[in-house]
């Protein structure tokens, strides 16, 4: 039985860590001076003298400034980075773009037997798993088994070879923090990705004093080993999570304390997503009645690369459209999807003289700069090193973000414009803003992207004022002490002020 809850937890991860209610009713401002005073007061009342703030508010149509605070200083944007990666991917690839995963036969098929290898050629599809199959993680793989049978293949004498060469070999984003790496939100990257490159663990409490009952999906795969060091505690307490995976290993230790009557769910990342993909695919094919005599092999382990001109293309699997993928990318702030979307810009692009490697973040950012330049972003002073915002080396200004937002609002391709705006969380309604600004003038009005990591909090997007004027805004706080609850409250207050503004 598929464990749906870990997938659901991944969908709402940012909702939990970013949930903030802004119930204060703001006095309506009518002049630009009143607006300036109200925003200044909201920041001052937060009592964060050591923190840095930048705020940029513009008329969405004309670009006329309504409020500016430190708009030329570089800030760490956290997940506001996803505004840049999703905008560039939609602009360059188009909202109808679909990732293609090709399945090839290397050898002749005779009497139901493939006398050779099965080749899986990836292009970076990030959603092979349960995202678009109602949580049924192996649904696509089972469909592939049916397609192989339809092609007359019931036995594979060789190996299942995974071609992940569409992207470079950098499995971890530049600057990612070590303590994030065991968790699904910092999963390793590959052009062949499956189930968010994570395993979904479940620890169900048993009798106090005894270990919790451990299981995992997909299919209790043997790709990982798990030592159950958990303990069931007395009912009524809190779950105390404890997980460990040595870097480069797929040997997990789960030591959570789980109160009686409770279940602890956690999705933990795996090492080498390509081999994980192939291993589970092999397990599914065998379970579906296809004999596989070989094993899963990463194409990088071969001394001679396969020649596709000498092979038979069996079928292709296509992802949902990019317009559909950017919805969880931005609404749920899904890091893997952002990284894959950004790299897709560079996957089919042959580097020119002096350019970085194909399928690399560096080449993707180089190509994306042309989009940012058309948007009026100062490309000489922007620094992006990943697509998700996990890296603290990303540096932008609030004026860059408002320029990008204005460009995407009036993008020459209406479908691209709509896909971008529709992907943003709606205040008090969905995504990472579902619990914020409820009962205010901003609820159901503001569409904005959140961003949060230690000592960093950001919010940027669109809001319509009380007079019907559409505004773009970027708010970032860096280098403050304590939790992000205070800067999030200030962000919400500022957005409510903008939504209530009467001029």
Protein backbone atom coordinates (compact mmCIF):
# COMPACT_ATOMS: atom_id res chain seq x y z
CA UNK A 1 0.00 0.00 0.00
CA UNK A 2 1.38 3.41 -0.97
CA UNK A 3 2.17 5.65 2.01
CA UNK A 4 0.57 8.88 0.86
CA UNK A 5 1.38 10.92 3.93
CA UNK A 6 5.11 11.57 3.27
CA UNK A 7 4.28 12.90 -0.19
CA UNK A 8 1.62 15.11 1.37
CA UNK A 9 4.16 16.29 3.92
CA UNK A 10 6.49 17.29 1.10
CA UNK A 11 3.65 19.24 -0.52
CA UNK A 12 2.92 21.23 2.63
CA UNK A 13 6.41 21.45 4.13
CA UNK A 14 6.70 25.19 3.62
CA UNK A 15 3.14 25.73 4.80
CA UNK A 16 4.09 24.42 8.22
CA UNK A 17 7.31 26.39 8.60
CA UNK A 18 5.90 29.58 7.11
CA UNK A 19 2.38 29.65 8.61
CA UNK A 20 1.69 33.08 10.06
CA UNK A 21 -1.62 34.84 10.66
CA UNK A 22 -1.89 38.59 10.09
CA UNK A 23 -5.12 39.45 11.80
CA UNK A 24 -4.39 43.11 12.58
CA UNK A 25 -6.67 45.49 10.69
CA UNK A 26 -4.53 48.16 9.04
CA UNK A 27 -5.63 51.79 8.84
CA UNK A 28 -6.07 52.76 5.22
CA UNK A 29 -3.33 54.98 3.81
CA UNK A 30 -4.24 57.47 1.07
CA UNK A 31 -1.09 59.36 0.19
CA UNK A 32 2.38 58.10 -0.69
CA UNK A 33 3.73 59.79 2.45
CA UNK A 34 1.18 57.98 4.62
CA UNK A 35 2.18 54.74 2.93
CA UNK A 36 5.86 55.41 3.64
CA UNK A 37 5.20 56.17 7.32
CA UNK A 38 3.02 53.05 7.74
CA UNK A 39 5.66 50.73 6.24
CA UNK A 40 8.47 52.37 8.22
CA UNK A 41 6.44 51.95 11.42
CA UNK A 42 5.75 48.26 10.69
CA UNK A 43 9.49 47.60 10.34
CA UNK A 44 10.44 49.69 13.37
CA UNK A 45 7.87 47.99 15.63
CA UNK A 46 9.37 44.59 14.86
CA UNK A 47 12.32 45.46 17.09
CA UNK A 48 15.03 43.96 14.87
CA UNK A 49 17.74 46.68 14.99
CA UNK A 50 20.50 44.31 13.87
CA UNK A 51 18.56 43.05 10.84
CA UNK A 52 18.77 44.41 7.30
CA UNK A 53 15.58 45.25 5.43
CA UNK A 54 14.92 46.03 1.80
CA UNK A 55 11.49 46.90 0.43
CA UNK A 56 10.61 47.95 -3.11
CA UNK A 57 7.03 48.70 -4.15
CA UNK A 58 6.13 49.79 -7.68
CA UNK A 59 3.09 50.40 -9.81
CA UNK A 60 2.85 47.17 -11.78
CA UNK A 61 1.95 48.94 -15.01
CA UNK A 62 4.12 52.06 -15.03
CA UNK A 63 6.98 51.07 -12.72
CA UNK A 64 6.47 54.26 -10.71
CA UNK A 65 7.99 53.77 -7.23
CA UNK A 66 5.65 53.93 -4.24
CA UNK A 67 8.15 52.92 -1.56
CA UNK A 68 11.90 52.21 -1.60
CA UNK A 69 14.17 51.07 1.19
CA UNK A 70 17.78 49.98 0.57
CA UNK A 71 16.87 48.79 -2.93
CA UNK A 72 20.47 48.71 -4.20
CA UNK A 73 21.86 46.43 -1.46
CA UNK A 74 22.38 42.74 -2.25
CA UNK A 75 20.37 40.33 -0.11
CA UNK A 76 20.14 36.54 0.20
CA UNK A 77 16.73 35.72 -1.34
CA UNK A 78 16.26 32.10 -0.11
CA UNK A 79 13.36 30.62 -2.09
CA UNK A 80 12.63 33.92 -3.84
CA UNK A 81 15.32 32.51 -6.15
CA UNK A 82 12.58 30.30 -7.58
CA UNK A 83 10.97 33.40 -9.13
CA UNK A 84 14.08 33.69 -11.31
CA UNK A 85 14.46 30.00 -12.19
CA UNK A 86 10.77 29.50 -13.00
CA UNK A 87 10.54 32.74 -15.01
CA UNK A 88 13.62 31.86 -17.05
CA UNK A 89 12.45 28.29 -17.70
CA UNK A 90 8.98 29.42 -18.79
CA UNK A 91 10.43 32.17 -20.99
CA UNK A 92 13.04 30.00 -22.73
CA UNK A 93 11.32 26.60 -22.85
CA UNK A 94 7.69 27.73 -22.95
CA UNK A 95 4.79 26.66 -20.74
CA UNK A 96 3.99 23.66 -22.97
CA UNK A 97 7.49 22.16 -22.61
CA UNK A 98 7.51 18.54 -21.47
CA UNK A 99 10.46 16.49 -20.25
CA UNK A 100 10.97 13.35 -22.37
CA UNK A 101 12.33 10.10 -20.95
CA UNK A 102 13.30 7.73 -23.76
CA UNK A 103 13.33 3.93 -23.48
CA UNK A 104 15.63 2.14 -25.94
CA UNK A 105 16.53 -1.48 -26.70
CA UNK A 106 20.21 -2.23 -27.23
CA UNK A 107 19.98 -5.66 -28.85
CA UNK A 108 17.48 -7.75 -30.80
CA UNK A 109 14.14 -8.91 -29.45
CA UNK A 110 13.41 -12.57 -30.22
CA UNK A 111 10.72 -14.78 -28.70
CA UNK A 112 10.00 -12.25 -25.95
CA UNK A 113 13.66 -11.90 -25.01
CA UNK A 114 15.68 -8.69 -25.33
CA UNK A 115 19.14 -10.06 -26.07
CA UNK A 116 20.92 -7.03 -24.72
CA UNK A 117 20.36 -4.01 -22.54
CA UNK A 118 17.44 -1.68 -21.81
CA UNK A 119 18.51 1.97 -21.95
CA UNK A 120 16.66 4.71 -20.05
CA UNK A 121 17.64 8.13 -21.37
CA UNK A 122 16.59 10.96 -19.07
CA UNK A 123 16.14 14.66 -19.72
CA UNK A 124 15.61 15.85 -16.15
CA UNK A 125 11.95 15.01 -15.55
CA UNK A 126 11.51 15.86 -11.84
CA UNK A 127 8.01 14.41 -11.37
CA UNK A 128 8.40 10.69 -12.09
CA UNK A 129 6.77 9.50 -8.90
CA UNK A 130 3.52 10.21 -7.12
CA UNK A 131 3.05 13.95 -7.67
CA UNK A 132 0.68 13.62 -10.63
CA UNK A 133 -0.57 10.08 -9.96
CA UNK A 134 -2.53 10.64 -6.73
CA UNK A 135 0.43 9.47 -4.67
CA UNK A 136 0.94 6.19 -6.58
CA UNK A 137 4.75 6.37 -6.70
CA UNK A 138 5.37 3.46 -9.09
CA UNK A 139 2.44 4.06 -11.46
CA UNK A 140 4.64 5.26 -14.31
CA UNK A 141 7.04 2.34 -13.95
CA UNK A 142 4.16 -0.13 -14.06
CA UNK A 143 2.91 1.56 -17.23
CA UNK A 144 6.41 1.14 -18.69
CA UNK A 145 6.24 -2.57 -17.89
CA UNK A 146 3.00 -2.76 -19.88
CA UNK A 147 4.64 -0.93 -22.78
CA UNK A 148 7.58 -3.34 -22.75
CA UNK A 149 5.20 -6.30 -22.88
CA UNK A 150 3.34 -4.61 -25.75
CA UNK A 151 6.69 -4.38 -27.54
CA UNK A 152 7.08 -8.14 -27.09
CA UNK A 153 9.60 -8.03 -24.23
CA UNK A 154 9.11 -10.28 -21.22
CA UNK A 155 12.78 -11.01 -20.50
CA UNK A 156 15.79 -8.69 -20.47
CA UNK A 157 19.06 -10.62 -20.68
CA UNK A 158 21.25 -7.58 -20.11
CA UNK A 159 21.30 -4.65 -17.73
CA UNK A 160 19.10 -1.59 -17.32
CA UNK A 161 21.40 1.30 -18.18
CA UNK A 162 20.57 4.82 -17.08
CA UNK A 163 21.71 7.70 -19.30
CA UNK A 164 21.71 10.83 -17.11
CA UNK A 165 24.12 12.80 -19.30
CA UNK A 166 21.57 15.53 -20.11
CA UNK A 167 22.77 17.24 -16.91
CA UNK A 168 26.25 17.58 -15.50
CA UNK A 169 27.53 15.41 -12.65
CA UNK A 170 27.11 17.98 -9.86
CA UNK A 171 24.70 16.06 -7.63
CA UNK A 172 24.55 18.72 -4.92
CA UNK A 173 23.98 22.42 -5.43
CA UNK A 174 26.88 24.79 -4.88
CA UNK A 175 26.90 26.14 -1.33
CA UNK A 176 24.24 23.81 0.10
CA UNK A 177 24.57 23.21 3.82
CA UNK A 178 25.75 19.83 5.02
CA UNK A 179 23.03 19.38 7.65
CA UNK A 180 20.28 19.77 5.00
CA UNK A 181 21.54 16.96 2.78
CA UNK A 182 19.81 13.94 4.43
CA UNK A 183 16.37 15.48 3.90
CA UNK A 184 14.15 15.35 0.81
CA UNK A 185 14.22 19.12 0.34
CA UNK A 186 17.98 18.97 -0.34
CA UNK A 187 17.94 15.78 -2.40
CA UNK A 188 20.73 15.01 -4.83
CA UNK A 189 20.15 15.93 -8.47
CA UNK A 190 20.13 13.80 -11.62
CA UNK A 191 18.64 13.86 -15.11
CA UNK A 192 17.05 10.56 -14.00
CA UNK A 193 15.07 11.36 -10.86
CA UNK A 194 12.41 9.32 -9.07
CA UNK A 195 10.10 10.02 -6.10
CA UNK A 196 11.82 13.35 -5.36
CA UNK A 197 15.03 11.29 -5.00
CA UNK A 198 13.88 10.29 -1.55
CA UNK A 199 12.59 7.29 0.39
CA UNK A 200 9.44 7.70 2.48
CA UNK A 201 9.91 6.22 5.96
CA UNK A 202 7.12 5.38 8.41
CA UNK A 203 7.57 4.67 12.12
CA UNK A 204 4.34 3.53 13.77
CA UNK A 205 4.32 3.41 17.55
CA UNK A 206 3.90 0.01 19.18
CA UNK A 207 4.09 -0.73 22.92
CA UNK A 208 5.87 1.83 25.12
CA UNK A 209 9.45 0.71 25.63
CA UNK A 210 9.54 -1.20 22.33
CA UNK A 211 10.79 -0.05 18.91
CA UNK A 212 8.29 1.57 16.58
CA UNK A 213 7.24 -0.49 13.56
CA UNK A 214 9.41 0.56 10.60
CA UNK A 215 8.39 0.44 6.94
CA UNK A 216 9.18 2.45 3.84
CA UNK A 217 8.14 3.20 0.30
CA UNK A 218 8.59 2.55 -2.52
CA UNK A 219 8.03 -1.18 -2.11
CA UNK A 220 10.42 -1.62 0.83
CA UNK A 221 13.09 -1.21 -1.84
CA UNK A 222 16.38 -2.96 -1.21
CA UNK A 223 18.23 0.07 -2.56
CA UNK A 224 18.43 1.26 1.05
CA UNK A 225 19.08 -0.40 4.37
CA UNK A 226 17.48 0.93 7.53
CA UNK A 227 18.39 0.27 11.15
CA UNK A 228 15.47 0.72 13.49
CA UNK A 229 16.81 2.49 16.58
CA UNK A 230 13.44 4.08 17.38
CA UNK A 231 11.52 3.76 20.60
CA UNK A 232 7.83 3.93 21.46
CA UNK A 233 7.18 6.28 24.38
CA UNK A 234 4.14 6.89 26.58
CA UNK A 235 1.09 8.41 24.92
CA UNK A 236 0.60 12.16 25.02
CA UNK A 237 4.16 13.26 24.33
CA UNK A 238 5.70 14.78 21.23
CA UNK A 239 7.54 12.99 18.47
CA UNK A 240 11.29 13.53 18.80
CA UNK A 241 12.79 12.98 15.37
CA UNK A 242 16.22 11.46 14.89
CA UNK A 243 17.54 10.42 11.47
CA UNK A 244 21.01 9.81 10.12
CA UNK A 245 22.53 8.88 6.75
CA UNK A 246 26.28 9.14 6.17
CA UNK A 247 27.03 11.20 3.08
CA UNK A 248 27.44 8.96 0.03
CA UNK A 249 25.71 6.06 1.78
CA UNK A 250 22.19 4.64 1.62
CA UNK A 251 22.37 3.13 5.12
CA UNK A 252 19.83 4.92 7.29
CA UNK A 253 19.49 4.97 11.06
CA UNK A 254 16.07 5.99 12.40
CA UNK A 255 16.11 6.77 16.09
CA UNK A 256 12.93 8.78 16.62
CA UNK A 257 10.94 8.65 19.85
CA UNK A 258 7.30 8.04 18.89
CA UNK A 259 4.50 8.35 21.49
CA UNK A 260 1.94 5.53 21.61
CA UNK A 261 -0.82 6.07 19.08
CA UNK A 262 1.33 8.27 16.82
CA UNK A 263 3.13 7.75 13.50
CA UNK A 264 6.35 9.49 12.49
CA UNK A 265 6.70 10.13 8.75
CA UNK A 266 9.88 11.41 7.12
CA UNK A 267 11.18 11.52 3.56
CA UNK A 268 14.96 11.20 3.44
CA UNK A 269 17.18 11.71 0.42
CA UNK A 270 19.19 8.96 -1.25
CA UNK A 271 22.71 8.91 -2.61
CA UNK A 272 23.03 8.49 -6.40
CA UNK A 273 19.50 9.14 -7.69
CA UNK A 274 20.28 7.55 -11.06
CA UNK A 275 21.01 4.17 -9.50
CA UNK A 276 17.98 4.58 -7.23
CA UNK A 277 15.80 5.16 -10.29
CA UNK A 278 17.17 2.08 -12.05
CA UNK A 279 17.05 -0.13 -8.97
CA UNK A 280 13.38 0.56 -8.26
CA UNK A 281 12.50 0.33 -11.97
CA UNK A 282 14.06 -3.14 -12.02
CA UNK A 283 12.11 -4.14 -8.91
CA UNK A 284 8.86 -2.95 -10.50
CA UNK A 285 9.53 -4.73 -13.81
CA UNK A 286 10.21 -7.99 -11.97
CA UNK A 287 7.07 -7.55 -9.87
CA UNK A 288 5.10 -7.03 -13.11
CA UNK A 289 6.33 -10.32 -14.55
CA UNK A 290 9.32 -9.17 -16.61
CA UNK A 291 12.50 -11.15 -15.97
CA UNK A 292 15.60 -8.97 -15.69
CA UNK A 293 18.85 -10.93 -15.59
CA UNK A 294 21.13 -7.90 -15.27
CA UNK A 295 21.24 -5.00 -12.85
CA UNK A 296 20.92 -1.23 -12.94
CA UNK A 297 24.02 0.54 -14.26
CA UNK A 298 24.82 4.26 -14.48
CA UNK A 299 26.05 5.13 -17.97
CA UNK A 300 29.06 6.80 -16.36
CA UNK A 301 30.29 3.36 -15.26
CA UNK A 302 30.58 2.19 -18.88
CA UNK A 303 33.87 2.43 -20.75
CA UNK A 304 32.01 2.87 -24.06
CA UNK A 305 28.85 4.94 -24.31
CA UNK A 306 25.83 3.46 -26.15
CA UNK A 307 25.36 4.52 -29.79
CA UNK A 308 21.68 5.41 -30.18
CA UNK A 309 21.86 5.19 -33.96
CA UNK A 310 22.41 1.46 -33.55
CA UNK A 311 19.56 0.91 -31.11
CA UNK A 312 15.77 0.62 -31.29
CA UNK A 313 13.59 3.30 -29.74
CA UNK A 314 10.78 1.50 -27.93
CA UNK A 315 8.72 4.36 -26.50
CA UNK A 316 8.96 7.68 -24.63
CA UNK A 317 7.42 8.95 -21.43
CA UNK A 318 6.46 12.64 -21.32
CA UNK A 319 6.04 14.67 -18.17
CA UNK A 320 3.15 17.02 -17.48
CA UNK A 321 3.70 20.46 -19.00
CA UNK A 322 6.11 22.95 -17.48
CA UNK A 323 3.08 25.13 -16.70
CA UNK A 324 1.80 22.31 -14.48
CA UNK A 325 5.20 21.61 -12.90
CA UNK A 326 5.85 25.23 -11.88
CA UNK A 327 2.71 25.16 -9.73
CA UNK A 328 4.21 22.92 -7.00
CA UNK A 329 7.61 24.47 -7.76
CA UNK A 330 6.39 27.88 -6.55
CA UNK A 331 3.28 27.21 -4.48
CA UNK A 332 4.95 24.47 -2.41
CA UNK A 333 8.47 25.86 -2.94
CA UNK A 334 9.77 22.53 -4.23
CA UNK A 335 13.56 22.69 -4.46
CA UNK A 336 14.18 19.70 -6.74
CA UNK A 337 11.66 20.95 -9.30
CA UNK A 338 13.33 24.36 -9.36
CA UNK A 339 16.77 22.84 -9.86
CA UNK A 340 15.56 20.59 -12.67
CA UNK A 341 13.65 23.39 -14.41
CA UNK A 342 16.70 25.65 -14.36
CA UNK A 343 19.05 22.95 -15.68
CA UNK A 344 16.60 22.13 -18.48
CA UNK A 345 17.46 25.50 -20.00
CA UNK A 346 20.98 24.19 -20.60
CA UNK A 347 20.26 20.50 -21.30
CA UNK A 348 19.90 20.76 -25.08
CA UNK A 349 22.13 23.78 -25.55
CA UNK A 350 25.59 23.20 -27.01
CA UNK A 351 28.01 25.43 -25.11
CA UNK A 352 29.71 28.10 -27.17
CA UNK A 353 33.38 29.02 -26.77
CA UNK A 354 34.18 29.62 -23.12
CA UNK A 355 30.71 28.64 -21.87
CA UNK A 356 30.20 26.19 -18.98
CA UNK A 357 29.29 22.52 -19.50
CA UNK A 358 25.97 21.50 -21.02
CA UNK A 359 23.28 20.77 -18.44
CA UNK A 360 25.06 22.79 -15.75
CA UNK A 361 23.65 25.48 -13.51
CA UNK A 362 26.36 27.85 -14.70
CA UNK A 363 25.30 27.50 -18.35
CA UNK A 364 21.62 27.73 -17.42
CA UNK A 365 22.21 30.96 -15.47
CA UNK A 366 24.25 32.32 -18.37
CA UNK A 367 21.30 31.74 -20.70
CA UNK A 368 18.81 33.02 -18.13
CA UNK A 369 20.68 36.33 -17.89
CA UNK A 370 19.34 37.21 -21.33
CA UNK A 371 15.81 36.86 -19.96
CA UNK A 372 16.70 38.91 -16.90
CA UNK A 373 18.27 41.58 -19.12
CA UNK A 374 15.07 41.90 -21.15
CA UNK A 375 13.24 42.31 -17.85
CA UNK A 376 15.42 45.27 -16.92
CA UNK A 377 17.34 43.41 -14.21
CA UNK A 378 20.87 44.65 -13.55
CA UNK A 379 22.63 41.50 -14.77
CA UNK A 380 26.09 42.82 -13.86
CA UNK A 381 25.27 42.67 -10.16
CA UNK A 382 23.04 39.62 -9.80
CA UNK A 383 24.54 36.39 -8.45
CA UNK A 384 22.67 33.08 -8.79
CA UNK A 385 24.38 29.75 -8.09
CA UNK A 386 21.39 27.41 -7.87
CA UNK A 387 17.76 27.24 -8.91
CA UNK A 388 16.10 26.64 -5.54
CA UNK A 389 17.60 29.22 -3.21
CA UNK A 390 19.17 26.74 -0.80
CA UNK A 391 22.55 28.41 -1.34
CA UNK A 392 23.45 31.49 0.67
CA UNK A 393 25.68 32.62 -2.19
CA UNK A 394 22.62 33.76 -4.18
CA UNK A 395 22.50 37.57 -4.07
CA UNK A 396 19.85 39.87 -5.53
CA UNK A 397 18.34 43.29 -4.87
CA UNK A 398 14.69 44.04 -4.31
CA UNK A 399 14.67 46.26 -7.42
CA UNK A 400 15.80 43.28 -9.51
CA UNK A 401 12.85 41.25 -8.30
CA UNK A 402 10.27 43.95 -8.98
CA UNK A 403 11.70 44.38 -12.49
CA UNK A 404 11.33 40.63 -13.09
CA UNK A 405 7.79 40.60 -11.71
CA UNK A 406 6.74 43.47 -13.94
CA UNK A 407 8.25 41.76 -17.00
CA UNK A 408 6.44 38.47 -16.32
CA UNK A 409 3.17 40.32 -15.72
CA UNK A 410 3.26 41.69 -19.28
CA UNK A 411 5.16 38.84 -20.93
CA UNK A 412 4.62 38.83 -24.71
CA UNK A 413 3.46 35.21 -24.51
CA UNK A 414 0.15 35.31 -22.66
CA UNK A 415 0.36 31.60 -21.74
CA UNK A 416 3.80 32.16 -20.19
CA UNK A 417 2.49 35.17 -18.27
CA UNK A 418 -0.49 33.20 -16.97
CA UNK A 419 1.58 30.12 -16.04
CA UNK A 420 4.01 32.22 -14.00
CA UNK A 421 1.41 34.24 -12.11
CA UNK A 422 -0.86 31.24 -11.50
CA UNK A 423 2.05 29.33 -9.96
CA UNK A 424 2.40 31.81 -7.09
CA UNK A 425 0.80 31.13 -3.68
CA UNK A 426 -2.36 33.10 -2.88
CA UNK A 427 -2.54 34.77 0.52
CA UNK A 428 -4.82 32.93 2.95
CA UNK A 429 -5.72 30.37 0.27
CA UNK A 430 -3.00 27.98 -0.85
CA UNK A 431 0.63 27.02 -1.04
CA UNK A 432 3.11 28.52 1.38
CA UNK A 433 0.73 31.44 2.05
CA UNK A 434 -2.31 29.33 2.94
CA UNK A 435 -2.21 30.29 6.62
CA UNK A 436 -1.02 33.86 6.21
CA UNK A 437 -3.00 37.12 5.99
CA UNK A 438 -6.34 35.41 6.59
CA UNK A 439 -9.18 37.83 7.30
CA UNK A 440 -7.34 40.83 5.84
CA UNK A 441 -7.54 42.90 2.68
CA UNK A 442 -4.68 40.81 1.29
CA UNK A 443 -6.43 37.44 1.63
CA UNK A 444 -7.36 36.06 -1.78
CA UNK A 445 -5.69 39.12 -3.27
CA UNK A 446 -1.92 38.86 -2.94
CA UNK A 447 -0.02 36.34 -5.09
CA UNK A 448 3.55 36.07 -3.88
CA UNK A 449 6.55 33.79 -3.43
CA UNK A 450 7.89 33.12 0.04
CA UNK A 451 11.50 32.52 1.00
CA UNK A 452 12.87 31.29 4.31
CA UNK A 453 16.10 29.93 5.80
CA UNK A 454 18.11 30.71 8.90
CA UNK A 455 18.24 34.52 9.38
CA UNK A 456 16.66 35.07 5.95
CA UNK A 457 13.02 35.80 5.12
CA UNK A 458 11.54 37.11 1.87
CA UNK A 459 8.21 37.72 0.17
CA UNK A 460 7.69 39.09 -3.35
CA UNK A 461 4.78 39.24 -5.74
CA UNK A 462 1.64 41.09 -6.77
CA UNK A 463 -1.18 42.75 -4.81
CA UNK A 464 -4.08 44.98 -5.79
CA UNK A 465 -4.68 48.08 -3.69
CA UNK A 466 -8.06 49.24 -2.41
CA UNK A 467 -8.24 51.70 -5.30
CA UNK A 468 -7.76 48.89 -7.84
CA UNK A 469 -4.14 49.70 -8.58
CA UNK A 470 -1.98 46.63 -9.18
CA UNK A 471 1.35 46.74 -7.35
CA UNK A 472 4.51 44.66 -7.45
CA UNK A 473 6.61 44.35 -4.31
CA UNK A 474 9.74 42.72 -2.94
CA UNK A 475 10.44 42.50 0.79
CA UNK A 476 13.58 40.84 2.18
CA UNK A 477 15.07 40.64 5.67
CA UNK A 478 18.60 39.35 6.32
CA UNK A 479 20.96 39.01 9.27
CA UNK A 480 18.36 39.28 12.02
CA UNK A 481 18.57 37.22 15.20
CA UNK A 482 15.97 34.71 16.29
CA UNK A 483 13.23 32.95 14.35
CA UNK A 484 11.57 34.09 11.14
CA UNK A 485 8.20 34.69 12.81
CA UNK A 486 8.81 38.41 13.33
CA UNK A 487 9.98 39.23 9.78
CA UNK A 488 7.11 37.18 8.36
CA UNK A 489 4.67 39.17 10.49
CA UNK A 490 6.18 42.41 9.17
CA UNK A 491 5.93 41.17 5.59
CA UNK A 492 2.27 40.34 6.10
CA UNK A 493 1.61 43.76 7.67
CA UNK A 494 3.27 45.52 4.75
CA UNK A 495 1.26 43.55 2.20
CA UNK A 496 -1.98 44.31 4.09
CA UNK A 497 -1.00 47.99 4.10
CA UNK A 498 -0.53 47.83 0.33
CA UNK A 499 -3.82 45.99 -0.17
CA UNK A 500 -5.59 48.63 1.93
CA UNK A 501 -3.90 51.60 0.25
CA UNK A 502 -6.53 53.94 -1.13
CA UNK A 503 -4.58 55.84 -3.79
